[in-house]
C-alpha atoms as a PDB file:
ATOM      1  CA  MET A   1      -5.092  93.594 -46.398  1.00  0.00           C
ATOM      2  CA  VAL A   2      -2.399  91.976 -44.412  1.00  0.00           C
ATOM      3  CA  ARG A   3      -1.453  88.955 -47.128  1.00  0.00           C
ATOM      4  CA  LEU A   4       1.968  87.398 -45.293  1.00  0.00           C
ATOM      5  CA  ARG A   5       3.419  84.269 -46.456  1.00  0.00           C
ATOM      6  CA  PHE A   6       5.758  81.579 -44.787  1.00  0.00           C
ATOM      7  CA  PRO A   7       7.890  80.374 -47.375  1.00  0.00           C
ATOM      8  CA  PHE A   8       8.628  77.142 -48.680  1.00  0.00           C
ATOM      9  CA  LEU A   9       7.865  75.036 -45.791  1.00  0.00           C
ATOM     10  CA  LEU A  10       7.867  71.312 -45.922  1.00  0.00           C
ATOM     11  CA  PHE A  11      11.233  70.106 -46.116  1.00  0.00           C
ATOM     12  CA  GLY A  12      13.427  71.835 -44.344  1.00  0.00           C
ATOM     13  CA  ALA A  13      15.312  72.975 -47.534  1.00  0.00           C
ATOM     14  CA  VAL A  14      15.349  76.971 -47.976  1.00  0.00           C
ATOM     15  CA  LEU A  15      14.600  78.867 -44.810  1.00  0.00           C
ATOM     16  CA  LEU A  16      11.589  77.211 -43.511  1.00  0.00           C
ATOM     17  CA  GLY A  17       9.142  79.270 -41.623  1.00  0.00           C
ATOM     18  CA  ALA A  18      11.181  82.904 -40.895  1.00  0.00           C
ATOM     19  CA  PRO A  19       9.318  85.157 -38.826  1.00  0.00           C
ATOM     20  CA  LEU A  20       6.334  86.185 -39.900  1.00  0.00           C
ATOM     21  CA  ARG A  21       7.315  89.834 -40.102  1.00  0.00           C
ATOM     22  CA  ALA A  22      10.315  91.099 -41.668  1.00  0.00           C
ATOM     23  CA  GLN A  23      11.849  92.019 -38.468  1.00  0.00           C
ATOM     24  CA  PRO A  24      10.833  90.609 -35.052  1.00  0.00           C
ATOM     25  CA  ASP A  25      10.912  92.550 -32.123  1.00  0.00           C
ATOM     26  CA  SER A  26      14.083  92.482 -29.494  1.00  0.00           C
ATOM     27  CA  SER A  27      12.762  90.084 -26.857  1.00  0.00           C
ATOM     28  CA  LEU A  28      11.686  87.788 -29.781  1.00  0.00           C
ATOM     29  CA  ARG A  29      15.063  88.098 -31.215  1.00  0.00           C
ATOM     30  CA  ALA A  30      16.659  87.341 -28.234  1.00  0.00           C
ATOM     31  CA  GLY A  31      14.446  84.092 -27.666  1.00  0.00           C
ATOM     32  CA  TYR A  32      15.014  82.702 -30.528  1.00  0.00           C
ATOM     33  CA  GLN A  33      19.112  82.885 -29.133  1.00  0.00           C
ATOM     34  CA  LEU A  34      18.260  81.246 -25.859  1.00  0.00           C
ATOM     35  CA  ASP A  35      16.326  77.897 -27.747  1.00  0.00           C
ATOM     36  CA  SER A  36      19.535  77.982 -30.108  1.00  0.00           C
ATOM     37  CA  GLU A  37      21.864  77.325 -27.204  1.00  0.00           C
ATOM     38  CA  GLY A  38      19.261  75.071 -25.632  1.00  0.00           C
ATOM     39  CA  LYS A  39      17.405  77.421 -23.116  1.00  0.00           C
ATOM     40  CA  THR A  40      13.952  76.863 -24.631  1.00  0.00           C
ATOM     41  CA  ALA A  41      12.636  77.872 -21.045  1.00  0.00           C
ATOM     42  CA  GLU A  42      13.445  80.827 -20.891  1.00  0.00           C
ATOM     43  CA  ALA A  43      13.024  81.590 -24.367  1.00  0.00           C
ATOM     44  CA  ARG A  44       8.959  80.865 -23.534  1.00  0.00           C
ATOM     45  CA  VAL A  45       8.919  84.014 -20.791  1.00  0.00           C
ATOM     46  CA  LEU A  46       9.794  86.143 -23.209  1.00  0.00           C
ATOM     47  CA  PHE A  47       8.134  84.701 -25.944  1.00  0.00           C
ATOM     48  CA  GLN A  48       4.582  84.546 -23.374  1.00  0.00           C
ATOM     49  CA  ARG A  49       4.899  87.639 -22.492  1.00  0.00           C
ATOM     50  CA  ALA A  50       5.378  88.731 -26.700  1.00  0.00           C
ATOM     51  CA  ILE A  51       2.076  87.382 -27.112  1.00  0.00           C
ATOM     52  CA  ALA A  52       0.371  88.891 -23.855  1.00  0.00           C
ATOM     53  CA  ALA A  53       1.646  92.410 -24.875  1.00  0.00           C
ATOM     54  CA  ALA A  54       0.920  92.411 -28.601  1.00  0.00           C
ATOM     55  CA  THR A  55      -1.470  94.960 -30.284  1.00  0.00           C
ATOM     56  CA  ASP A  56      -2.257  93.604 -33.705  1.00  0.00           C
ATOM     57  CA  PRO A  57      -3.374  90.260 -35.246  1.00  0.00           C
ATOM     58  CA  VAL A  58       0.232  89.431 -36.593  1.00  0.00           C
ATOM     59  CA  ALA A  59       2.358  91.016 -33.486  1.00  0.00           C
ATOM     60  CA  LYS A  60       0.534  88.381 -31.745  1.00  0.00           C
ATOM     61  CA  THR A  61       1.057  85.476 -34.814  1.00  0.00           C
ATOM     62  CA  GLN A  62       4.865  86.568 -35.356  1.00  0.00           C
ATOM     63  CA  ALA A  63       4.356  85.331 -31.250  1.00  0.00           C
ATOM     64  CA  GLN A  64       2.672  82.614 -30.976  1.00  0.00           C
ATOM     65  CA  ARG A  65       4.698  80.750 -33.890  1.00  0.00           C
ATOM     66  CA  ALA A  66       8.373  82.145 -31.800  1.00  0.00           C
ATOM     67  CA  MET A  67       6.014  79.893 -29.039  1.00  0.00           C
ATOM     68  CA  ALA A  68       5.558  77.208 -31.338  1.00  0.00           C
ATOM     69  CA  MET A  69       8.726  76.613 -32.348  1.00  0.00           C
ATOM     70  CA  SER A  70      10.582  76.840 -28.905  1.00  0.00           C
ATOM     71  CA  TYR A  71       8.206  73.377 -28.179  1.00  0.00           C
ATOM     72  CA  ALA A  72       9.582  72.002 -31.243  1.00  0.00           C
ATOM     73  CA  PHE A  73      13.583  72.477 -29.949  1.00  0.00           C
ATOM     74  CA  GLU A  74      11.939  70.114 -27.027  1.00  0.00           C
ATOM     75  CA  GLY A  75      10.360  68.195 -29.589  1.00  0.00           C
ATOM     76  CA  ASP A  76       7.633  68.615 -27.798  1.00  0.00           C
ATOM     77  CA  CYS A  77       4.996  67.904 -30.577  1.00  0.00           C
ATOM     78  CA  ALA A  78       2.324  68.545 -28.529  1.00  0.00           C
ATOM     79  CA  ASN A  79       2.630  71.888 -27.910  1.00  0.00           C
ATOM     80  CA  ALA A  80       3.944  72.807 -30.796  1.00  0.00           C
ATOM     81  CA  VAL A  81       1.079  71.760 -32.477  1.00  0.00           C
ATOM     82  CA  LYS A  82      -1.759  73.774 -30.004  1.00  0.00           C
ATOM     83  CA  TYR A  83       0.552  76.444 -31.124  1.00  0.00           C
ATOM     84  CA  GLU A  84       0.364  75.985 -34.701  1.00  0.00           C
ATOM     85  CA  ASP A  85      -3.451  75.003 -34.245  1.00  0.00           C
ATOM     86  CA  MET A  86      -3.957  79.799 -33.406  1.00  0.00           C
ATOM     87  CA  LEU A  87      -1.630  80.393 -36.546  1.00  0.00           C
ATOM     88  CA  ILE A  88      -4.961  78.370 -38.386  1.00  0.00           C
ATOM     89  CA  ALA A  89      -6.974  80.319 -36.697  1.00  0.00           C
ATOM     90  CA  TYR A  90      -5.570  83.230 -37.426  1.00  0.00           C
ATOM     91  CA  TRP A  91      -5.709  82.518 -41.911  1.00  0.00           C
ATOM     92  CA  ALA A  92      -8.674  81.247 -41.673  1.00  0.00           C
ATOM     93  CA  SER A  93     -10.485  84.014 -40.435  1.00  0.00           C
ATOM     94  CA  ARG A  94      -9.506  86.205 -43.339  1.00  0.00           C
ATOM     95  CA  GLU A  95     -10.775  83.495 -45.566  1.00  0.00           C
ATOM     96  CA  GLN A  96     -13.045  85.922 -47.391  1.00  0.00           C
ATOM     97  CA  ALA A  97     -10.713  88.515 -46.947  1.00  0.00           C
ATOM     98  CA  GLU A  98      -8.530  87.171 -49.222  1.00  0.00           C
ATOM     99  CA  PRO A  99      -9.247  83.334 -49.728  1.00  0.00           C
ATOM    100  CA  GLN A 100      -6.257  82.808 -51.680  1.00  0.00           C
ATOM    101  CA  ASN A 101      -3.542  83.076 -49.005  1.00  0.00           C
ATOM    102  CA  ALA A 102      -5.237  82.195 -46.421  1.00  0.00           C
ATOM    103  CA  PHE A 103      -6.285  78.682 -47.048  1.00  0.00           C
ATOM    104  CA  PHE A 104      -2.411  77.603 -48.057  1.00  0.00           C
ATOM    105  CA  GLN A 105      -1.264  79.681 -45.535  1.00  0.00           C
ATOM    106  CA  GLU A 106      -3.613  76.720 -43.328  1.00  0.00           C
ATOM    107  CA  GLY A 107      -1.900  73.939 -45.064  1.00  0.00           C
ATOM    108  CA  GLU A 108       1.779  75.440 -45.242  1.00  0.00           C
ATOM    109  CA  ILE A 109       1.702  75.919 -41.246  1.00  0.00           C
ATOM    110  CA  ALA A 110      -0.338  72.417 -41.057  1.00  0.00           C
ATOM    111  CA  ASN A 111       2.812  70.857 -43.013  1.00  0.00           C
ATOM    112  CA  GLU A 112       4.750  72.690 -40.446  1.00  0.00           C
ATOM    113  CA  ALA A 113       3.674  70.633 -37.648  1.00  0.00           C
ATOM    114  CA  ALA A 114       3.187  67.741 -38.802  1.00  0.00           C
ATOM    115  CA  ARG A 115       6.620  69.048 -39.549  1.00  0.00           C
ATOM    116  CA  VAL A 116       7.826  68.494 -35.973  1.00  0.00           C
ATOM    117  CA  CYS A 117       5.746  65.894 -34.664  1.00  0.00           C
ATOM    118  CA  ILE A 118       7.355  63.645 -37.171  1.00  0.00           C
ATOM    119  CA  ASP A 119      11.132  64.606 -36.252  1.00  0.00           C
ATOM    120  CA  ALA A 120       9.364  64.433 -32.705  1.00  0.00           C
ATOM    121  CA  GLY A 121       8.985  60.840 -33.512  1.00  0.00           C
ATOM    122  CA  ASP A 122       4.893  61.322 -33.197  1.00  0.00           C
ATOM    123  CA  PHE A 123       3.825  59.420 -35.935  1.00  0.00           C
ATOM    124  CA  ALA A 124       0.528  59.198 -35.379  1.00  0.00           C
ATOM    125  CA  THR A 125       0.425  62.972 -35.589  1.00  0.00           C
ATOM    126  CA  ALA A 126       2.206  63.855 -38.307  1.00  0.00           C
ATOM    127  CA  GLU A 127       0.438  62.506 -40.817  1.00  0.00           C
ATOM    128  CA  ARG A 128      -2.782  63.939 -39.634  1.00  0.00           C
ATOM    129  CA  TYR A 129      -1.553  67.077 -39.896  1.00  0.00           C
ATOM    130  CA  TYR A 130      -0.048  66.432 -42.987  1.00  0.00           C
ATOM    131  CA  ARG A 131      -3.009  65.014 -44.196  1.00  0.00           C
ATOM    132  CA  LYS A 132      -5.370  67.960 -42.584  1.00  0.00           C
ATOM    133  CA  GLY A 133      -2.467  71.035 -44.249  1.00  0.00           C
ATOM    134  CA  SER A 134      -3.120  69.545 -47.971  1.00  0.00           C
ATOM    135  CA  GLU A 135      -6.803  69.017 -47.364  1.00  0.00           C
ATOM    136  CA  LEU A 136      -6.722  72.562 -46.073  1.00  0.00           C
ATOM    137  CA  GLY A 137      -3.664  74.328 -49.244  1.00  0.00           C
ATOM    138  CA  ASN A 138      -6.154  72.041 -51.519  1.00  0.00           C
ATOM    139  CA  GLN A 139      -8.941  74.370 -50.653  1.00  0.00           C
ATOM    140  CA  GLU A 140      -7.474  77.204 -52.264  1.00  0.00           C
ATOM    141  CA  PRO A 141      -9.830  78.815 -54.642  1.00  0.00           C
ATOM    142  CA  GLU A 142      -9.991  80.076 -58.738  1.00  0.00           C
ATOM    143  CA  PRO A 143      -8.021  81.604 -59.658  1.00  0.00           C
ATOM    144  CA  ARG A 144      -5.279  78.329 -57.443  1.00  0.00           C
ATOM    145  CA  THR A 145      -1.946  79.569 -57.313  1.00  0.00           C
ATOM    146  CA  HIS A 146      -0.585  76.512 -55.694  1.00  0.00           C
ATOM    147  CA  ALA A 147      -1.384  73.922 -58.189  1.00  0.00           C
ATOM    148  CA  ARG A 148      -3.148  70.040 -57.122  1.00  0.00           C
ATOM    149  CA  SER A 149       0.673  69.074 -57.969  1.00  0.00           C
ATOM    150  CA  LEU A 150       2.035  70.467 -55.381  1.00  0.00           C
ATOM    151  CA  TRP A 151      -0.048  69.556 -52.733  1.00  0.00           C
ATOM    152  CA  ASP A 152       0.065  66.099 -54.425  1.00  0.00           C
ATOM    153  CA  PHE A 153       3.877  66.082 -54.349  1.00  0.00           C
ATOM    154  CA  ARG A 154       4.093  67.231 -50.601  1.00  0.00           C
ATOM    155  CA  LEU A 155       1.745  64.866 -48.922  1.00  0.00           C
ATOM    156  CA  ALA A 156       3.709  61.789 -50.434  1.00  0.00           C
ATOM    157  CA  HIS A 157       7.266  62.509 -49.517  1.00  0.00           C
ATOM    158  CA  ALA A 158       5.793  63.508 -45.879  1.00  0.00           C
ATOM    159  CA  LEU A 159       4.241  59.952 -46.856  1.00  0.00           C
ATOM    160  CA  GLY A 160       7.154  57.728 -48.161  1.00  0.00           C
ATOM    161  CA  ARG A 161       8.753  59.726 -45.210  1.00  0.00           C
ATOM    162  CA  LEU A 162       6.514  58.222 -42.791  1.00  0.00           C
ATOM    163  CA  ALA A 163       6.383  55.086 -43.937  1.00  0.00           C
ATOM    164  CA  ALA A 164       9.823  54.543 -43.679  1.00  0.00           C
ATOM    165  CA  ARG A 165      10.066  55.866 -40.314  1.00  0.00           C
ATOM    166  CA  ARG A 166       7.559  53.184 -39.385  1.00  0.00           C
ATOM    167  CA  GLY A 167       9.589  50.412 -41.603  1.00  0.00           C
ATOM    168  CA  ASN A 168       7.857  50.063 -44.284  1.00  0.00           C
ATOM    169  CA  LYS A 169       9.691  49.932 -46.740  1.00  0.00           C
ATOM    170  CA  ALA A 170       6.894  48.835 -49.419  1.00  0.00           C
ATOM    171  CA  GLU A 171       4.529  51.955 -48.957  1.00  0.00           C
ATOM    172  CA  ALA A 172       7.411  54.692 -48.574  1.00  0.00           C
ATOM    173  CA  GLN A 173       8.989  53.082 -52.334  1.00  0.00           C
ATOM    174  CA  ARG A 174       4.761  53.781 -53.147  1.00  0.00           C
ATOM    175  CA  GLN A 175       5.063  57.048 -52.201  1.00  0.00           C
ATOM    176  CA  ILE A 176       8.197  57.079 -53.442  1.00  0.00           C
ATOM    177  CA  ALA A 177       6.689  56.512 -57.056  1.00  0.00           C
ATOM    178  CA  LEU A 178       3.556  58.875 -56.296  1.00  0.00           C
ATOM    179  CA  ALA A 179       6.499  61.931 -56.156  1.00  0.00           C
ATOM    180  CA  ARG A 180       8.116  61.106 -59.129  1.00  0.00           C
ATOM    181  CA  LYS A 181       4.419  60.831 -60.884  1.00  0.00           C
ATOM    182  CA  ALA A 182       3.403  63.957 -59.245  1.00  0.00           C
ATOM    183  CA  LEU A 183       6.592  66.017 -60.157  1.00  0.00           C
ATOM    184  CA  ASP A 184       6.268  64.202 -63.961  1.00  0.00           C
ATOM    185  CA  SER A 185       3.149  65.909 -64.355  1.00  0.00           C
ATOM    186  CA  ASP A 186       3.204  69.310 -63.918  1.00  0.00           C
ATOM    187  CA  SER A 187       7.023  70.328 -65.299  1.00  0.00           C
ATOM    188  CA  THR A 188       6.419  74.434 -63.367  1.00  0.00           C
ATOM    189  CA  MET A 189       5.850  72.828 -59.601  1.00  0.00           C
ATOM    190  CA  ALA A 190       8.596  70.254 -60.668  1.00  0.00           C
ATOM    191  CA  ALA A 191      11.119  73.460 -62.036  1.00  0.00           C
ATOM    192  CA  GLN A 192      10.790  74.690 -57.671  1.00  0.00           C
ATOM    193  CA  GLN A 193      10.093  71.917 -56.578  1.00  0.00           C
ATOM    194  CA  GLU A 194      12.708  68.208 -58.206  1.00  0.00           C
ATOM    195  CA  ARG A 195      15.326  69.782 -56.010  1.00  0.00           C
ATOM    196  CA  PHE A 196      13.452  67.650 -52.835  1.00  0.00           C
ATOM    197  CA  PHE A 197      13.129  64.497 -54.797  1.00  0.00           C
ATOM    198  CA  PRO A 198      17.030  62.650 -53.585  1.00  0.00           C
ATOM    199  CA  TYR A 199      16.256  64.209 -50.100  1.00  0.00           C
ATOM    200  CA  LEU A 200      13.530  61.932 -50.373  1.00  0.00           C
ATOM    201  CA  VAL A 201      15.368  58.962 -51.501  1.00  0.00           C
ATOM    202  CA  GLY A 202      17.545  59.693 -48.884  1.00  0.00           C
ATOM    203  CA  TYR A 203      15.146  59.585 -46.690  1.00  0.00           C
ATOM    204  CA  VAL A 204      13.511  57.197 -47.207  1.00  0.00           C
ATOM    205  CA  ALA A 205      16.923  54.721 -47.662  1.00  0.00           C
ATOM    206  CA  LEU A 206      18.833  55.688 -44.316  1.00  0.00           C
ATOM    207  CA  TYR A 207      15.798  54.889 -42.560  1.00  0.00           C
ATOM    208  CA  THR A 208      15.592  51.350 -44.310  1.00  0.00           C
ATOM    209  CA  GLY A 209      18.776  50.397 -44.277  1.00  0.00           C
ATOM    210  CA  GLU A 210      19.580  51.104 -47.943  1.00  0.00           C
ATOM    211  CA  LEU A 211      23.073  53.546 -46.626  1.00  0.00           C
ATOM    212  CA  GLN A 212      24.398  53.837 -49.825  1.00  0.00           C
ATOM    213  CA  THR A 213      22.484  54.347 -51.678  1.00  0.00           C
ATOM    214  CA  ALA A 214      21.358  56.584 -48.912  1.00  0.00           C
ATOM    215  CA  GLU A 215      24.542  58.292 -49.137  1.00  0.00           C
ATOM    216  CA  ALA A 216      24.853  58.528 -52.840  1.00  0.00           C
ATOM    217  CA  GLU A 217      21.058  60.648 -52.732  1.00  0.00           C
ATOM    218  CA  LEU A 218      21.622  62.621 -50.047  1.00  0.00           C
ATOM    219  CA  THR A 219      25.106  63.442 -51.450  1.00  0.00           C
ATOM    220  CA  LYS A 220      23.040  64.672 -55.090  1.00  0.00           C
ATOM    221  CA  ALA A 221      20.438  66.272 -52.841  1.00  0.00           C
ATOM    222  CA  LEU A 222      22.586  68.187 -51.448  1.00  0.00           C
ATOM    223  CA  ALA A 223      24.805  69.046 -54.310  1.00  0.00           C
ATOM    224  CA  LEU A 224      21.077  70.648 -55.788  1.00  0.00           C
ATOM    225  CA  ARG A 225      21.231  74.571 -55.834  1.00  0.00           C
ATOM    226  CA  GLY A 226      19.463  75.239 -52.752  1.00  0.00           C
ATOM    227  CA  ASN A 227      20.201  72.853 -50.840  1.00  0.00           C
ATOM    228  CA  GLN A 228      23.574  72.905 -50.159  1.00  0.00           C
ATOM    229  CA  ASN A 229      23.144  74.942 -47.285  1.00  0.00           C
ATOM    230  CA  ASP A 230      20.854  72.593 -45.592  1.00  0.00           C
ATOM    231  CA  PRO A 231      21.794  71.863 -41.748  1.00  0.00           C
ATOM    232  CA  PHE A 232      19.253  68.535 -41.816  1.00  0.00           C
ATOM    233  CA  GLN A 233      19.824  67.531 -45.302  1.00  0.00           C
ATOM    234  CA  THR A 234      23.749  67.518 -43.539  1.00  0.00           C
ATOM    235  CA  TYR A 235      22.390  66.038 -40.439  1.00  0.00           C
ATOM    236  CA  LEU A 236      20.777  63.756 -42.481  1.00  0.00           C
ATOM    237  CA  LEU A 237      23.615  62.241 -43.850  1.00  0.00           C
ATOM    238  CA  ALA A 238      25.956  62.329 -41.314  1.00  0.00           C
ATOM    239  CA  LEU A 239      23.610  60.078 -40.003  1.00  0.00           C
ATOM    240  CA  THR A 240      24.191  57.663 -42.564  1.00  0.00           C
ATOM    241  CA  LEU A 241      28.073  57.925 -42.516  1.00  0.00           C
ATOM    242  CA  GLU A 242      28.098  57.322 -39.419  1.00  0.00           C
ATOM    243  CA  ARG A 243      25.800  54.278 -39.276  1.00  0.00           C
ATOM    244  CA  GLU A 244      28.656  53.270 -42.231  1.00  0.00           C
ATOM    245  CA  GLY A 245      31.386  53.277 -39.556  1.00  0.00           C
ATOM    246  CA  GLN A 246      32.473  56.456 -41.191  1.00  0.00           C
ATOM    247  CA  ALA A 247      32.947  58.191 -37.553  1.00  0.00           C
ATOM    248  CA  ALA A 248      35.179  61.269 -38.746  1.00  0.00           C
ATOM    249  CA  ARG A 249      32.984  62.252 -42.099  1.00  0.00           C
ATOM    250  CA  ALA A 250      30.171  61.579 -39.906  1.00  0.00           C
ATOM    251  CA  ARG A 251      31.398  64.619 -37.626  1.00  0.00           C
ATOM    252  CA  GLU A 252      32.204  66.441 -39.524  1.00  0.00           C
ATOM    253  CA  LEU A 253      29.258  67.186 -41.273  1.00  0.00           C
ATOM    254  CA  TYR A 254      27.592  66.813 -37.334  1.00  0.00           C
ATOM    255  CA  GLN A 255      29.210  70.710 -36.858  1.00  0.00           C
ATOM    256  CA  ARG A 256      28.920  71.519 -40.539  1.00  0.00           C
ATOM    257  CA  ALA A 257      24.947  71.200 -39.981  1.00  0.00           C
ATOM    258  CA  TYR A 258      25.366  72.812 -36.181  1.00  0.00           C
ATOM    259  CA  ASP A 259      26.783  75.315 -37.585  1.00  0.00           C
ATOM    260  CA  LEU A 260      24.239  75.821 -39.900  1.00  0.00           C
ATOM    261  CA  ALA A 261      21.567  75.645 -38.147  1.00  0.00           C
ATOM    262  CA  THR A 262      20.635  79.105 -37.116  1.00  0.00           C
ATOM    263  CA  GLY A 263      17.384  79.771 -38.222  1.00  0.00           C
ATOM    264  CA  HIS A 264      14.230  79.421 -35.604  1.00  0.00           C
ATOM    265  CA  ASN A 265      12.134  77.059 -37.901  1.00  0.00           C
ATOM    266  CA  PRO A 266      11.886  73.163 -37.923  1.00  0.00           C
ATOM    267  CA  PRO A 267      14.922  71.517 -38.995  1.00  0.00           C
ATOM    268  CA  ALA A 268      16.763  74.427 -36.552  1.00  0.00           C
ATOM    269  CA  ALA A 269      14.971  72.761 -33.509  1.00  0.00           C
ATOM    270  CA  PHE A 270      15.011  69.549 -34.173  1.00  0.00           C
ATOM    271  CA  VAL A 271      19.152  69.630 -36.090  1.00  0.00           C
ATOM    272  CA  ARG A 272      20.544  72.021 -33.020  1.00  0.00           C
ATOM    273  CA  PRO A 273      20.463  70.228 -30.619  1.00  0.00           C
ATOM    274  CA  ALA A 274      20.480  66.739 -32.348  1.00  0.00           C
ATOM    275  CA  ALA A 275      23.852  67.335 -33.860  1.00  0.00           C
ATOM    276  CA  ARG A 276      24.952  69.104 -29.978  1.00  0.00           C
ATOM    277  CA  LYS A 277      24.214  65.373 -28.335  1.00  0.00           C
ATOM    278  CA  LYS A 278      26.111  63.948 -31.374  1.00  0.00           C
ATOM    279  CA  LEU A 279      29.160  66.556 -30.633  1.00  0.00           C
ATOM    280  CA  GLY A 280      29.506  66.117 -27.062  1.00  0.00           C
ATOM    281  CA  LEU A 281      28.793  69.799 -26.694  1.00  0.00           C
END
């Protein structure tokens, strides 16, 4: 049985969306490096070759995901989604063989596509895929290995961030309350997901103009175990400090975010080029 799991994809506080195989082949590794250097067109030549040369579904899926992330490095939501949809189709073909895992993976991948799109500024597509991710994940049959409360928390977290980006402070606060309710309803789930809550509060505060709250909450988030080396949250704190006029501290954190963004995943795909621009590299 092929049984593969993505790490937790939604928030960027762990190594998100690691490749499906533990040891990607040399062409994929070379492509990852090219993307991190901003040479995305060159990277996609390698990824296309890997897709064409794949001799089994897992290898092909790995290469397709690499292609999706390469487009994410350019902020190209539409093309990233195109390849993420191919991954969802693969897991749909596994629903009968391994239903618990397949539906969870479909939800994870849809959330990953949404994450690329919100960072790219395509909020309508991001919302559609976040909702799709929740719907797919909740189709997991009993005995479930991922509680509905997890998907409720993820969706509220996502919709809160989207509302903030759209300038709807009241809706963002409503979604924060729903995220808090989901955490409080399931202590087992909360033990794993609580550390993502201050990130949500800080994100919403940043994009609704409450900079002191944003600084406090993002500083709190980055102090929590598992978050300390998160490039995206580090970038958000740097952006907050920049908007507060703390240019020197902001630059230090932009550099740290850039240095931490070594993965081939949505946080790195956003942070690497954005921090490079901030730093004038």
